[in-house]
Amino acid sequence: MPVVEITMFEGRTKEMKKKLIEKVTKSVVEALGVEPDQVWVVIREFPKENFGMAGVQQG
């Protein structure tokens, strides 16, 4: 059972996340030859202020 984890900043709509899950699932099915019901997609969202890059807080 493949599990795909996606970490991204919060702010996308429910519809955008739905489309992302559908497309990622389709890609995994095509690449690995598994059934769609075997693919899990987990989206983890965080506020930008919880991230830093090059020593600078984002957001």
N, C-alpha and C. Protein backbone atom coordinates (compact mmCIF):
# COMPACT_ATOMS: atom_id res chain seq x y z
N MET A 1 0.84 -1.17 0.00
CA MET A 1 0.00 0.00 0.00
C MET A 1 0.89 1.24 0.00
N PRO A 2 0.96 1.96 -1.11
CA PRO A 2 1.75 3.18 -1.16
C PRO A 2 1.11 4.30 -0.34
N VAL A 3 1.93 5.04 0.39
CA VAL A 3 1.49 6.22 1.13
C VAL A 3 2.33 7.39 0.64
N VAL A 4 1.66 8.42 0.14
CA VAL A 4 2.34 9.62 -0.35
C VAL A 4 2.04 10.74 0.63
N GLU A 5 3.10 11.38 1.16
CA GLU A 5 2.92 12.50 2.07
C GLU A 5 3.34 13.79 1.37
N ILE A 6 2.48 14.79 1.44
CA ILE A 6 2.76 16.08 0.82
C ILE A 6 2.71 17.13 1.93
N THR A 7 3.79 17.88 2.08
CA THR A 7 3.85 18.96 3.05
C THR A 7 3.85 20.26 2.28
N MET A 8 2.94 21.17 2.66
CA MET A 8 2.86 22.44 1.96
C MET A 8 2.30 23.50 2.90
N PHE A 9 2.47 24.74 2.48
CA PHE A 9 1.91 25.84 3.25
C PHE A 9 0.39 25.82 3.14
N GLU A 10 -0.28 26.23 4.19
CA GLU A 10 -1.74 26.28 4.17
C GLU A 10 -2.22 27.38 3.23
N GLY A 11 -3.49 27.28 2.85
CA GLY A 11 -4.08 28.32 2.03
C GLY A 11 -4.72 27.85 0.75
N ARG A 12 -4.55 26.59 0.41
CA ARG A 12 -5.21 26.08 -0.79
C ARG A 12 -6.66 25.71 -0.48
N THR A 13 -7.50 25.77 -1.48
CA THR A 13 -8.91 25.45 -1.30
C THR A 13 -9.11 23.94 -1.20
N LYS A 14 -10.28 23.58 -0.72
CA LYS A 14 -10.65 22.16 -0.64
C LYS A 14 -10.65 21.54 -2.04
N GLU A 15 -11.13 22.29 -3.03
CA GLU A 15 -11.16 21.80 -4.41
C GLU A 15 -9.75 21.56 -4.94
N MET A 16 -8.81 22.44 -4.63
CA MET A 16 -7.42 22.26 -5.09
C MET A 16 -6.81 21.00 -4.48
N LYS A 17 -7.07 20.77 -3.20
CA LYS A 17 -6.54 19.58 -2.54
C LYS A 17 -7.19 18.32 -3.08
N LYS A 18 -8.47 18.39 -3.39
CA LYS A 18 -9.17 17.24 -3.99
C LYS A 18 -8.53 16.87 -5.32
N LYS A 19 -8.26 17.88 -6.15
CA LYS A 19 -7.64 17.66 -7.45
C LYS A 19 -6.23 17.09 -7.30
N LEU A 20 -5.48 17.61 -6.33
CA LEU A 20 -4.13 17.11 -6.07
C LEU A 20 -4.17 15.63 -5.69
N ILE A 21 -5.07 15.26 -4.80
CA ILE A 21 -5.19 13.87 -4.37
C ILE A 21 -5.54 12.97 -5.54
N GLU A 22 -6.46 13.41 -6.39
CA GLU A 22 -6.85 12.62 -7.56
C GLU A 22 -5.67 12.40 -8.50
N LYS A 23 -4.93 13.47 -8.79
CA LYS A 23 -3.83 13.36 -9.75
C LYS A 23 -2.65 12.55 -9.19
N VAL A 24 -2.35 12.73 -7.91
CA VAL A 24 -1.27 11.95 -7.30
C VAL A 24 -1.66 10.47 -7.29
N THR A 25 -2.89 10.18 -6.93
CA THR A 25 -3.35 8.79 -6.93
C THR A 25 -3.22 8.18 -8.31
N LYS A 26 -3.67 8.90 -9.33
CA LYS A 26 -3.58 8.39 -10.70
C LYS A 26 -2.13 8.11 -11.09
N SER A 27 -1.21 9.00 -10.73
CA SER A 27 0.20 8.80 -11.06
C SER A 27 0.78 7.58 -10.38
N VAL A 28 0.43 7.38 -9.11
CA VAL A 28 0.93 6.22 -8.37
C VAL A 28 0.37 4.92 -8.97
N VAL A 29 -0.90 4.93 -9.32
CA VAL A 29 -1.53 3.76 -9.95
C VAL A 29 -0.80 3.41 -11.24
N GLU A 30 -0.53 4.42 -12.07
CA GLU A 30 0.16 4.18 -13.35
C GLU A 30 1.60 3.72 -13.14
N ALA A 31 2.30 4.32 -12.20
CA ALA A 31 3.71 4.00 -12.00
C ALA A 31 3.94 2.65 -11.32
N LEU A 32 3.06 2.30 -10.38
CA LEU A 32 3.29 1.10 -9.58
C LEU A 32 2.36 -0.06 -9.91
N GLY A 33 1.34 0.20 -10.72
CA GLY A 33 0.43 -0.88 -11.09
C GLY A 33 -0.43 -1.37 -9.95
N VAL A 34 -0.77 -0.48 -9.03
CA VAL A 34 -1.64 -0.85 -7.92
C VAL A 34 -3.05 -0.30 -8.19
N GLU A 35 -3.99 -0.74 -7.39
CA GLU A 35 -5.36 -0.25 -7.51
C GLU A 35 -5.50 1.08 -6.76
N PRO A 36 -6.38 1.95 -7.23
CA PRO A 36 -6.55 3.25 -6.56
C PRO A 36 -6.91 3.13 -5.08
N ASP A 37 -7.65 2.10 -4.71
CA ASP A 37 -8.04 1.96 -3.30
C ASP A 37 -6.88 1.54 -2.40
N GLN A 38 -5.72 1.27 -3.00
CA GLN A 38 -4.53 0.94 -2.21
C GLN A 38 -3.65 2.15 -1.96
N VAL A 39 -3.95 3.28 -2.57
CA VAL A 39 -3.10 4.48 -2.49
C VAL A 39 -3.64 5.44 -1.44
N TRP A 40 -2.78 5.82 -0.54
CA TRP A 40 -3.12 6.82 0.47
C TRP A 40 -2.35 8.09 0.15
N VAL A 41 -3.01 9.23 0.24
CA VAL A 41 -2.36 10.52 0.07
C VAL A 41 -2.64 11.33 1.33
N VAL A 42 -1.58 11.80 1.98
CA VAL A 42 -1.70 12.58 3.22
C VAL A 42 -1.16 13.98 2.93
N ILE A 43 -1.98 14.98 3.20
CA ILE A 43 -1.55 16.37 3.03
C ILE A 43 -1.35 16.98 4.41
N ARG A 44 -0.16 17.49 4.63
CA ARG A 44 0.14 18.18 5.88
C ARG A 44 0.31 19.67 5.55
N GLU A 45 -0.47 20.50 6.20
CA GLU A 45 -0.42 21.93 5.94
C GLU A 45 0.08 22.68 7.18
N PHE A 46 0.93 23.65 6.93
CA PHE A 46 1.48 24.46 8.01
C PHE A 46 1.43 25.93 7.62
N PRO A 47 1.31 26.81 8.61
CA PRO A 47 1.40 28.24 8.29
C PRO A 47 2.85 28.59 7.91
N LYS A 48 3.00 29.54 7.00
CA LYS A 48 4.35 29.93 6.56
C LYS A 48 5.23 30.37 7.71
N GLU A 49 4.63 30.96 8.73
CA GLU A 49 5.43 31.45 9.86
C GLU A 49 6.13 30.34 10.62
N ASN A 50 5.75 29.09 10.37
CA ASN A 50 6.40 27.95 11.02
C ASN A 50 7.62 27.46 10.26
N PHE A 51 7.99 28.12 9.18
CA PHE A 51 9.12 27.71 8.36
C PHE A 51 10.14 28.84 8.27
N GLY A 52 11.37 28.46 8.09
CA GLY A 52 12.44 29.42 7.85
C GLY A 52 13.31 28.94 6.72
N MET A 53 13.89 29.89 6.00
CA MET A 53 14.81 29.55 4.91
C MET A 53 15.95 30.55 4.94
N ALA A 54 17.17 30.04 4.89
CA ALA A 54 18.37 30.87 4.91
C ALA A 54 18.40 31.75 6.16
N GLY A 55 17.91 31.21 7.27
CA GLY A 55 17.92 31.93 8.53
C GLY A 55 16.83 32.97 8.68
N VAL A 56 15.88 33.00 7.77
CA VAL A 56 14.82 34.01 7.82
C VAL A 56 13.46 33.30 7.94
N GLN A 57 12.68 33.74 8.92
CA GLN A 57 11.33 33.19 9.08
C GLN A 57 10.47 33.60 7.88
N GLN A 58 9.72 32.66 7.37
CA GLN A 58 8.83 32.93 6.24
C GLN A 58 7.46 33.36 6.76
N GLY A 59 6.71 34.02 5.93
CA GLY A 59 5.33 34.38 6.28
C GLY A 59 5.17 35.64 7.02
